[in-house]
């Protein structure tokens, strides 16, 4: 379902990149990739981080963009065009077909919470990193700090029955202590966590709802199958819940917080 959902929204996900630009830049700044380094970008989507990292690792560097959704990678390859040092591979982050200790930096932007078994993904990240190599990732913060996502999710929870198969919460690593514990349990140390606070402006509630769908992966796949009347009811509920975020220009400015984590392989 996740793979199908992200394949469905690949183009729109890439189009909505400006909404997440501040977070992407915070992650890249924390990573401080340098010329000549070998970088693995996990759950790369349409390769927004990977393309910029590839630019920063030249000359002599290499960035491998991976994702379980091959349509996302195809979208990224189409938008990037020929790019020195940028490669693409459909891959499962929990089962990486890479040699031990072959990567200098692993990037994972807004990804860890999506993996069915995040401890396996972290173990794979640790395995492929060279000793002293860096893991740099971002996750959504605690639920109450991320109205950008929580507003839509609350409306869905009120109006729709629970899914037959529950999706992992996107906020499950939002508590700094939980994220740090997961990283240390996987063998990482020198863990540093930094909050990244930003906001997104939407001209109207419809634009907000579409932006949520453009991020939602498997949820977008399920929501896309709803009857039109149900979808309309959801959009109306979202507009009502957004009222607390209305700005002086009549649109909505909705805040969010993410955590950017940097850790090293021992």
C-alpha atoms as a PDB file:
ATOM      1  CA  UNK A   1       0.000   0.000   0.000  1.00  0.00           C
ATOM      2  CA  UNK A   2       2.825   2.429   0.827  1.00  0.00           C
ATOM      3  CA  UNK A   3       4.614   1.646  -2.412  1.00  0.00           C
ATOM      4  CA  UNK A   4       1.434   2.091  -4.462  1.00  0.00           C
ATOM      5  CA  UNK A   5       0.567   5.312  -2.654  1.00  0.00           C
ATOM      6  CA  UNK A   6       3.942   6.943  -3.189  1.00  0.00           C
ATOM      7  CA  UNK A   7       4.019   5.829  -6.815  1.00  0.00           C
ATOM      8  CA  UNK A   8       0.609   7.469  -7.232  1.00  0.00           C
ATOM      9  CA  UNK A   9       1.710  10.830  -5.816  1.00  0.00           C
ATOM     10  CA  UNK A  10       5.282  10.980  -7.166  1.00  0.00           C
ATOM     11  CA  UNK A  11       4.805  14.036  -9.348  1.00  0.00           C
ATOM     12  CA  UNK A  12       2.779  16.027  -6.843  1.00  0.00           C
ATOM     13  CA  UNK A  13       5.181  15.092  -4.020  1.00  0.00           C
ATOM     14  CA  UNK A  14       8.010  16.620  -6.020  1.00  0.00           C
ATOM     15  CA  UNK A  15       5.904  19.691  -6.871  1.00  0.00           C
ATOM     16  CA  UNK A  16       5.251  20.307  -3.170  1.00  0.00           C
ATOM     17  CA  UNK A  17       8.965  20.402  -2.330  1.00  0.00           C
ATOM     18  CA  UNK A  18       8.941  24.164  -1.571  1.00  0.00           C
ATOM     19  CA  UNK A  19       6.736  23.481   1.467  1.00  0.00           C
ATOM     20  CA  UNK A  20       9.544  21.374   2.963  1.00  0.00           C
ATOM     21  CA  UNK A  21      12.493  23.397   1.688  1.00  0.00           C
ATOM     22  CA  UNK A  22      13.434  24.775   5.101  1.00  0.00           C
ATOM     23  CA  UNK A  23      13.550  21.291   6.613  1.00  0.00           C
ATOM     24  CA  UNK A  24      15.505  19.881   3.667  1.00  0.00           C
ATOM     25  CA  UNK A  25      18.110  22.616   3.991  1.00  0.00           C
ATOM     26  CA  UNK A  26      18.397  22.010   7.751  1.00  0.00           C
ATOM     27  CA  UNK A  27      19.101  18.333   7.124  1.00  0.00           C
ATOM     28  CA  UNK A  28      21.684  19.037   4.424  1.00  0.00           C
ATOM     29  CA  UNK A  29      23.381  21.632   6.618  1.00  0.00           C
ATOM     30  CA  UNK A  30      23.585  19.111   9.458  1.00  0.00           C
ATOM     31  CA  UNK A  31      24.982  16.475   7.096  1.00  0.00           C
ATOM     32  CA  UNK A  32      27.730  18.790   5.826  1.00  0.00           C
ATOM     33  CA  UNK A  33      28.505  16.447   2.942  1.00  0.00           C
ATOM     34  CA  UNK A  34      31.842  17.192   1.322  1.00  0.00           C
ATOM     35  CA  UNK A  35      33.465  16.629  -2.076  1.00  0.00           C
ATOM     36  CA  UNK A  36      34.514  13.036  -2.595  1.00  0.00           C
ATOM     37  CA  UNK A  37      32.128  11.504  -0.047  1.00  0.00           C
ATOM     38  CA  UNK A  38      29.886   8.503  -0.756  1.00  0.00           C
ATOM     39  CA  UNK A  39      26.293   9.206   0.279  1.00  0.00           C
ATOM     40  CA  UNK A  40      23.260   6.939   0.551  1.00  0.00           C
ATOM     41  CA  UNK A  41      19.873   8.699   0.504  1.00  0.00           C
ATOM     42  CA  UNK A  42      17.222   6.337   1.890  1.00  0.00           C
ATOM     43  CA  UNK A  43      13.530   6.712   1.011  1.00  0.00           C
ATOM     44  CA  UNK A  44      14.746   9.321  -1.454  1.00  0.00           C
ATOM     45  CA  UNK A  45      11.362   9.815  -3.128  1.00  0.00           C
ATOM     46  CA  UNK A  46      11.843  12.095  -6.144  1.00  0.00           C
ATOM     47  CA  UNK A  47      15.478  12.610  -5.102  1.00  0.00           C
ATOM     48  CA  UNK A  48      15.206  16.175  -3.825  1.00  0.00           C
ATOM     49  CA  UNK A  49      17.848  15.677  -1.112  1.00  0.00           C
ATOM     50  CA  UNK A  50      19.912  13.342  -3.279  1.00  0.00           C
ATOM     51  CA  UNK A  51      20.251  15.819  -6.144  1.00  0.00           C
ATOM     52  CA  UNK A  52      21.500  18.588  -3.875  1.00  0.00           C
ATOM     53  CA  UNK A  53      23.811  16.211  -2.032  1.00  0.00           C
ATOM     54  CA  UNK A  54      25.233  15.040  -5.372  1.00  0.00           C
ATOM     55  CA  UNK A  55      26.045  18.643  -6.243  1.00  0.00           C
ATOM     56  CA  UNK A  56      27.797  19.151  -2.902  1.00  0.00           C
ATOM     57  CA  UNK A  57      29.880  15.963  -3.153  1.00  0.00           C
ATOM     58  CA  UNK A  58      31.470  16.929  -6.456  1.00  0.00           C
ATOM     59  CA  UNK A  59      34.113  16.485  -7.598  1.00  0.00           C
ATOM     60  CA  UNK A  60      34.693  12.812  -6.973  1.00  0.00           C
ATOM     61  CA  UNK A  61      31.684  11.985  -4.815  1.00  0.00           C
ATOM     62  CA  UNK A  62      28.806   9.584  -5.304  1.00  0.00           C
ATOM     63  CA  UNK A  63      25.170   9.676  -4.163  1.00  0.00           C
ATOM     64  CA  UNK A  64      22.943   6.610  -4.370  1.00  0.00           C
ATOM     65  CA  UNK A  65      19.227   7.495  -4.195  1.00  0.00           C
ATOM     66  CA  UNK A  66      17.056   4.568  -3.087  1.00  0.00           C
ATOM     67  CA  UNK A  67      13.334   4.110  -2.532  1.00  0.00           C
ATOM     68  CA  UNK A  68      10.882   1.231  -2.401  1.00  0.00           C
ATOM     69  CA  UNK A  69       8.625   3.141  -4.832  1.00  0.00           C
ATOM     70  CA  UNK A  70      10.246   2.931  -8.248  1.00  0.00           C
ATOM     71  CA  UNK A  71       7.871   5.575  -9.630  1.00  0.00           C
ATOM     72  CA  UNK A  72       9.296   8.102  -7.182  1.00  0.00           C
ATOM     73  CA  UNK A  73      12.829   7.390  -8.385  1.00  0.00           C
ATOM     74  CA  UNK A  74      11.742   7.615 -12.031  1.00  0.00           C
ATOM     75  CA  UNK A  75      10.208  11.017 -11.299  1.00  0.00           C
ATOM     76  CA  UNK A  76      13.427  12.098  -9.625  1.00  0.00           C
ATOM     77  CA  UNK A  77      15.582  10.871 -12.495  1.00  0.00           C
ATOM     78  CA  UNK A  78      13.351  12.704 -14.982  1.00  0.00           C
ATOM     79  CA  UNK A  79      13.575  15.980 -13.075  1.00  0.00           C
ATOM     80  CA  UNK A  80      17.277  15.760 -12.307  1.00  0.00           C
ATOM     81  CA  UNK A  81      18.408  14.749 -15.782  1.00  0.00           C
ATOM     82  CA  UNK A  82      21.990  13.534 -16.220  1.00  0.00           C
ATOM     83  CA  UNK A  83      23.826  14.428 -13.043  1.00  0.00           C
ATOM     84  CA  UNK A  84      27.440  13.538 -12.245  1.00  0.00           C
ATOM     85  CA  UNK A  85      27.724  11.225  -9.298  1.00  0.00           C
ATOM     86  CA  UNK A  86      23.969  10.536  -8.878  1.00  0.00           C
ATOM     87  CA  UNK A  87      22.680   6.966  -9.172  1.00  0.00           C
ATOM     88  CA  UNK A  88      19.246   5.442  -8.538  1.00  0.00           C
ATOM     89  CA  UNK A  89      18.186   2.036  -7.171  1.00  0.00           C
ATOM     90  CA  UNK A  90      14.812   0.673  -6.087  1.00  0.00           C
ATOM     91  CA  UNK A  91      15.565  -0.846  -2.693  1.00  0.00           C
ATOM     92  CA  UNK A  92      14.077  -1.724   0.672  1.00  0.00           C
ATOM     93  CA  UNK A  93      15.765   0.187   3.486  1.00  0.00           C
ATOM     94  CA  UNK A  94      15.433  -2.854   5.741  1.00  0.00           C
ATOM     95  CA  UNK A  95      17.354  -5.077   3.276  1.00  0.00           C
ATOM     96  CA  UNK A  96      20.087  -3.086   1.546  1.00  0.00           C
ATOM     97  CA  UNK A  97      22.119  -4.803  -1.172  1.00  0.00           C
ATOM     98  CA  UNK A  98      25.293  -2.926  -0.274  1.00  0.00           C
ATOM     99  CA  UNK A  99      28.605  -4.083   1.124  1.00  0.00           C
ATOM    100  CA  UNK A 100      29.571  -3.477   4.721  1.00  0.00           C
ATOM    101  CA  UNK A 101      31.296  -0.170   5.495  1.00  0.00           C
ATOM    102  CA  UNK A 102      31.003   1.314   1.997  1.00  0.00           C
ATOM    103  CA  UNK A 103      29.164   4.595   2.715  1.00  0.00           C
ATOM    104  CA  UNK A 104      30.393   7.802   4.381  1.00  0.00           C
ATOM    105  CA  UNK A 105      27.009   9.469   4.991  1.00  0.00           C
ATOM    106  CA  UNK A 106      23.460   8.096   5.177  1.00  0.00           C
ATOM    107  CA  UNK A 107      20.570  10.538   4.727  1.00  0.00           C
ATOM    108  CA  UNK A 108      16.953   9.700   5.617  1.00  0.00           C
ATOM    109  CA  UNK A 109      14.570  12.635   5.383  1.00  0.00           C
ATOM    110  CA  UNK A 110      11.116  12.062   6.942  1.00  0.00           C
ATOM    111  CA  UNK A 111      11.547   8.317   6.510  1.00  0.00           C
ATOM    112  CA  UNK A 112      12.316   6.376   9.689  1.00  0.00           C
ATOM    113  CA  UNK A 113       8.732   6.421  10.985  1.00  0.00           C
ATOM    114  CA  UNK A 114       7.447   4.845   7.740  1.00  0.00           C
ATOM    115  CA  UNK A 115       9.511   1.678   7.944  1.00  0.00           C
ATOM    116  CA  UNK A 116       7.599  -1.372   9.242  1.00  0.00           C
ATOM    117  CA  UNK A 117      10.639  -2.408  11.303  1.00  0.00           C
ATOM    118  CA  UNK A 118      12.706   0.733  11.907  1.00  0.00           C
ATOM    119  CA  UNK A 119      15.212  -1.172  14.037  1.00  0.00           C
ATOM    120  CA  UNK A 120      16.096  -3.273  10.972  1.00  0.00           C
ATOM    121  CA  UNK A 121      16.538  -0.172   8.843  1.00  0.00           C
ATOM    122  CA  UNK A 122      18.783   1.408  11.484  1.00  0.00           C
ATOM    123  CA  UNK A 123      20.834  -1.780  11.664  1.00  0.00           C
ATOM    124  CA  UNK A 124      21.302  -1.653   7.893  1.00  0.00           C
ATOM    125  CA  UNK A 125      22.298   2.018   8.024  1.00  0.00           C
ATOM    126  CA  UNK A 126      24.866   1.166  10.703  1.00  0.00           C
ATOM    127  CA  UNK A 127      26.184  -1.795   8.701  1.00  0.00           C
ATOM    128  CA  UNK A 128      26.821   0.108   5.459  1.00  0.00           C
ATOM    129  CA  UNK A 129      28.473   3.109   7.126  1.00  0.00           C
ATOM    130  CA  UNK A 130      32.235   3.245   7.511  1.00  0.00           C
ATOM    131  CA  UNK A 131      33.474   3.506  11.116  1.00  0.00           C
ATOM    132  CA  UNK A 132      32.940   7.128  12.078  1.00  0.00           C
ATOM    133  CA  UNK A 133      30.431   7.572   9.247  1.00  0.00           C
ATOM    134  CA  UNK A 134      27.452   9.865   9.770  1.00  0.00           C
ATOM    135  CA  UNK A 135      23.741   9.191   9.836  1.00  0.00           C
ATOM    136  CA  UNK A 136      21.607  12.305   9.361  1.00  0.00           C
ATOM    137  CA  UNK A 137      17.836  11.988   9.438  1.00  0.00           C
ATOM    138  CA  UNK A 138      14.678  13.948  10.097  1.00  0.00           C
ATOM    139  CA  UNK A 139      11.391  12.844  11.658  1.00  0.00           C
ATOM    140  CA  UNK A 140       8.207  14.662  12.536  1.00  0.00           C
ATOM    141  CA  UNK A 141       8.141  15.973  16.107  1.00  0.00           C
ATOM    142  CA  UNK A 142       5.519  15.242  18.730  1.00  0.00           C
ATOM    143  CA  UNK A 143       1.936  15.312  17.481  1.00  0.00           C
ATOM    144  CA  UNK A 144       0.863  18.524  19.204  1.00  0.00           C
ATOM    145  CA  UNK A 145       3.782  20.323  17.558  1.00  0.00           C
ATOM    146  CA  UNK A 146       2.823  19.279  14.018  1.00  0.00           C
ATOM    147  CA  UNK A 147      -0.637  20.676  13.133  1.00  0.00           C
ATOM    148  CA  UNK A 148       0.519  20.451   9.512  1.00  0.00           C
ATOM    149  CA  UNK A 149      -0.135  16.698   9.680  1.00  0.00           C
ATOM    150  CA  UNK A 150      -2.282  16.292  12.783  1.00  0.00           C
ATOM    151  CA  UNK A 151      -5.139  18.490  11.567  1.00  0.00           C
ATOM    152  CA  UNK A 152      -5.910  16.248   8.590  1.00  0.00           C
ATOM    153  CA  UNK A 153      -5.312  13.071  10.583  1.00  0.00           C
ATOM    154  CA  UNK A 154      -7.744  14.170  13.303  1.00  0.00           C
ATOM    155  CA  UNK A 155     -10.480  14.745  10.721  1.00  0.00           C
ATOM    156  CA  UNK A 156      -9.840  11.352   9.143  1.00  0.00           C
ATOM    157  CA  UNK A 157     -10.023   9.668  12.560  1.00  0.00           C
ATOM    158  CA  UNK A 158     -13.367  11.367  13.332  1.00  0.00           C
ATOM    159  CA  UNK A 159     -15.087  10.673  10.038  1.00  0.00           C
ATOM    160  CA  UNK A 160     -13.722   7.318   8.868  1.00  0.00           C
ATOM    161  CA  UNK A 161     -13.612   3.868  10.477  1.00  0.00           C
ATOM    162  CA  UNK A 162     -10.198   2.616  11.606  1.00  0.00           C
ATOM    163  CA  UNK A 163      -8.162   1.040   8.791  1.00  0.00           C
ATOM    164  CA  UNK A 164      -8.083  -2.754   8.604  1.00  0.00           C
ATOM    165  CA  UNK A 165      -4.301  -2.583   8.880  1.00  0.00           C
ATOM    166  CA  UNK A 166      -3.047   0.243  11.076  1.00  0.00           C
ATOM    167  CA  UNK A 167      -0.244   2.349   9.628  1.00  0.00           C
ATOM    168  CA  UNK A 168       2.691   3.225  11.892  1.00  0.00           C
ATOM    169  CA  UNK A 169       2.251   6.663  13.419  1.00  0.00           C
ATOM    170  CA  UNK A 170       4.292   9.357  11.701  1.00  0.00           C
ATOM    171  CA  UNK A 171       4.884  10.784  15.192  1.00  0.00           C
ATOM    172  CA  UNK A 172       6.338   7.624  16.740  1.00  0.00           C
ATOM    173  CA  UNK A 173       9.845   9.087  16.952  1.00  0.00           C
ATOM    174  CA  UNK A 174       8.700  12.611  17.774  1.00  0.00           C
ATOM    175  CA  UNK A 175       9.816  12.440  21.412  1.00  0.00           C
ATOM    176  CA  UNK A 176      13.562  13.210  21.431  1.00  0.00           C
ATOM    177  CA  UNK A 177      14.283  10.579  24.099  1.00  0.00           C
ATOM    178  CA  UNK A 178      12.672   7.845  21.992  1.00  0.00           C
ATOM    179  CA  UNK A 179      14.586   8.807  18.860  1.00  0.00           C
ATOM    180  CA  UNK A 180      17.899   8.977  20.699  1.00  0.00           C
ATOM    181  CA  UNK A 181      17.263   5.601  22.353  1.00  0.00           C
ATOM    182  CA  UNK A 182      16.535   4.004  18.965  1.00  0.00           C
ATOM    183  CA  UNK A 183      19.750   5.397  17.489  1.00  0.00           C
ATOM    184  CA  UNK A 184      21.894   4.289  20.416  1.00  0.00           C
ATOM    185  CA  UNK A 185      20.316   0.825  20.453  1.00  0.00           C
ATOM    186  CA  UNK A 186      21.377   0.456  16.808  1.00  0.00           C
ATOM    187  CA  UNK A 187      24.995   1.162  17.752  1.00  0.00           C
ATOM    188  CA  UNK A 188      25.245   4.866  17.000  1.00  0.00           C
ATOM    189  CA  UNK A 189      26.808   7.409  19.322  1.00  0.00           C
ATOM    190  CA  UNK A 190      27.595  11.147  19.359  1.00  0.00           C
ATOM    191  CA  UNK A 191      23.837  11.624  18.899  1.00  0.00           C
ATOM    192  CA  UNK A 192      22.706  15.247  18.517  1.00  0.00           C
ATOM    193  CA  UNK A 193      19.065  16.268  18.028  1.00  0.00           C
ATOM    194  CA  UNK A 194      17.956  19.697  16.822  1.00  0.00           C
ATOM    195  CA  UNK A 195      14.352  20.875  16.360  1.00  0.00           C
ATOM    196  CA  UNK A 196      13.468  22.477  13.041  1.00  0.00           C
ATOM    197  CA  UNK A 197      10.366  24.670  13.260  1.00  0.00           C
ATOM    198  CA  UNK A 198       8.705  26.010  10.144  1.00  0.00           C
ATOM    199  CA  UNK A 199       5.266  26.810   8.771  1.00  0.00           C
ATOM    200  CA  UNK A 200       3.467  26.359   5.487  1.00  0.00           C
ATOM    201  CA  UNK A 201       0.994  28.804   3.977  1.00  0.00           C
ATOM    202  CA  UNK A 202      -2.049  27.665   2.031  1.00  0.00           C
ATOM    203  CA  UNK A 203      -4.400  29.898   0.094  1.00  0.00           C
ATOM    204  CA  UNK A 204      -7.403  27.848   1.197  1.00  0.00           C
ATOM    205  CA  UNK A 205      -8.413  24.597   2.877  1.00  0.00           C
ATOM    206  CA  UNK A 206      -8.445  22.729  -0.441  1.00  0.00           C
ATOM    207  CA  UNK A 207      -4.768  23.576  -0.951  1.00  0.00           C
ATOM    208  CA  UNK A 208      -3.979  22.298   2.547  1.00  0.00           C
ATOM    209  CA  UNK A 209      -5.864  19.043   1.958  1.00  0.00           C
ATOM    210  CA  UNK A 210      -4.109  18.468  -1.358  1.00  0.00           C
ATOM    211  CA  UNK A 211      -0.724  19.110   0.272  1.00  0.00           C
ATOM    212  CA  UNK A 212      -1.561  16.522   2.931  1.00  0.00           C
ATOM    213  CA  UNK A 213      -2.449  13.973   0.248  1.00  0.00           C
ATOM    214  CA  UNK A 214       0.799  14.801  -1.544  1.00  0.00           C
ATOM    215  CA  UNK A 215       2.705  13.609   1.544  1.00  0.00           C
ATOM    216  CA  UNK A 216       0.509  10.756   2.630  1.00  0.00           C
ATOM    217  CA  UNK A 217       1.794   7.702   0.748  1.00  0.00           C
ATOM    218  CA  UNK A 218      -0.319   4.659   1.568  1.00  0.00           C
ATOM    219  CA  UNK A 219      -2.972   6.848   3.167  1.00  0.00           C
ATOM    220  CA  UNK A 220      -3.285   8.769  -0.102  1.00  0.00           C
ATOM    221  CA  UNK A 221      -3.869   5.481  -1.905  1.00  0.00           C
ATOM    222  CA  UNK A 222      -6.719   4.578   0.471  1.00  0.00           C
ATOM    223  CA  UNK A 223      -8.219   8.085   0.521  1.00  0.00           C
ATOM    224  CA  UNK A 224      -8.192   8.183  -3.263  1.00  0.00           C
ATOM    225  CA  UNK A 225     -10.679   5.297  -3.274  1.00  0.00           C
ATOM    226  CA  UNK A 226     -13.277   7.002  -1.075  1.00  0.00           C
ATOM    227  CA  UNK A 227     -16.717   7.945  -2.454  1.00  0.00           C
ATOM    228  CA  UNK A 228     -16.919  11.573  -3.512  1.00  0.00           C
ATOM    229  CA  UNK A 229     -19.424  12.411  -0.775  1.00  0.00           C
ATOM    230  CA  UNK A 230     -17.066  11.088   1.898  1.00  0.00           C
ATOM    231  CA  UNK A 231     -14.182  13.050   0.422  1.00  0.00           C
ATOM    232  CA  UNK A 232     -16.283  16.215   0.434  1.00  0.00           C
ATOM    233  CA  UNK A 233     -17.190  15.685   4.090  1.00  0.00           C
ATOM    234  CA  UNK A 234     -13.536  15.285   4.948  1.00  0.00           C
ATOM    235  CA  UNK A 235     -12.587  18.487   3.160  1.00  0.00           C
ATOM    236  CA  UNK A 236     -15.352  20.390   4.962  1.00  0.00           C
ATOM    237  CA  UNK A 237     -14.159  19.090   8.338  1.00  0.00           C
ATOM    238  CA  UNK A 238     -10.592  20.077   7.532  1.00  0.00           C
ATOM    239  CA  UNK A 239     -11.648  23.617   6.661  1.00  0.00           C
ATOM    240  CA  UNK A 240     -13.442  23.960   9.981  1.00  0.00           C
ATOM    241  CA  UNK A 241     -10.485  22.627  11.972  1.00  0.00           C
ATOM    242  CA  UNK A 242      -8.069  24.963  10.176  1.00  0.00           C
ATOM    243  CA  UNK A 243      -9.860  28.105  11.355  1.00  0.00           C
ATOM    244  CA  UNK A 244      -7.431  28.557  14.231  1.00  0.00           C
ATOM    245  CA  UNK A 245      -4.612  28.944  11.709  1.00  0.00           C
ATOM    246  CA  UNK A 246      -6.222  31.544   9.455  1.00  0.00           C
ATOM    247  CA  UNK A 247      -3.942  34.476   8.647  1.00  0.00           C
ATOM    248  CA  UNK A 248      -4.585  38.146   7.919  1.00  0.00           C
ATOM    249  CA  UNK A 249      -4.747  37.503   4.170  1.00  0.00           C
ATOM    250  CA  UNK A 250      -7.582  34.985   4.470  1.00  0.00           C
ATOM    251  CA  UNK A 251      -5.447  31.896   3.943  1.00  0.00           C
ATOM    252  CA  UNK A 252      -3.975  29.527   6.481  1.00  0.00           C
ATOM    253  CA  UNK A 253      -0.478  29.365   7.967  1.00  0.00           C
ATOM    254  CA  UNK A 254       0.034  25.982   9.610  1.00  0.00           C
ATOM    255  CA  UNK A 255       3.081  25.270  11.816  1.00  0.00           C
ATOM    256  CA  UNK A 256       5.173  22.131  12.064  1.00  0.00           C
ATOM    257  CA  UNK A 257       8.185  20.858  13.945  1.00  0.00           C
ATOM    258  CA  UNK A 258      10.639  18.169  12.948  1.00  0.00           C
ATOM    259  CA  UNK A 259      13.704  16.748  14.658  1.00  0.00           C
ATOM    260  CA  UNK A 260      17.003  16.599  12.767  1.00  0.00           C
ATOM    261  CA  UNK A 261      19.297  13.927  14.190  1.00  0.00           C
ATOM    262  CA  UNK A 262      23.020  13.454  13.577  1.00  0.00           C
ATOM    263  CA  UNK A 263      24.753  10.311  14.826  1.00  0.00           C
ATOM    264  CA  UNK A 264      27.964   8.413  14.101  1.00  0.00           C
ATOM    265  CA  UNK A 265      28.840   4.784  13.728  1.00  0.00           C
ATOM    266  CA  UNK A 266      31.241   3.807  16.450  1.00  0.00           C
END
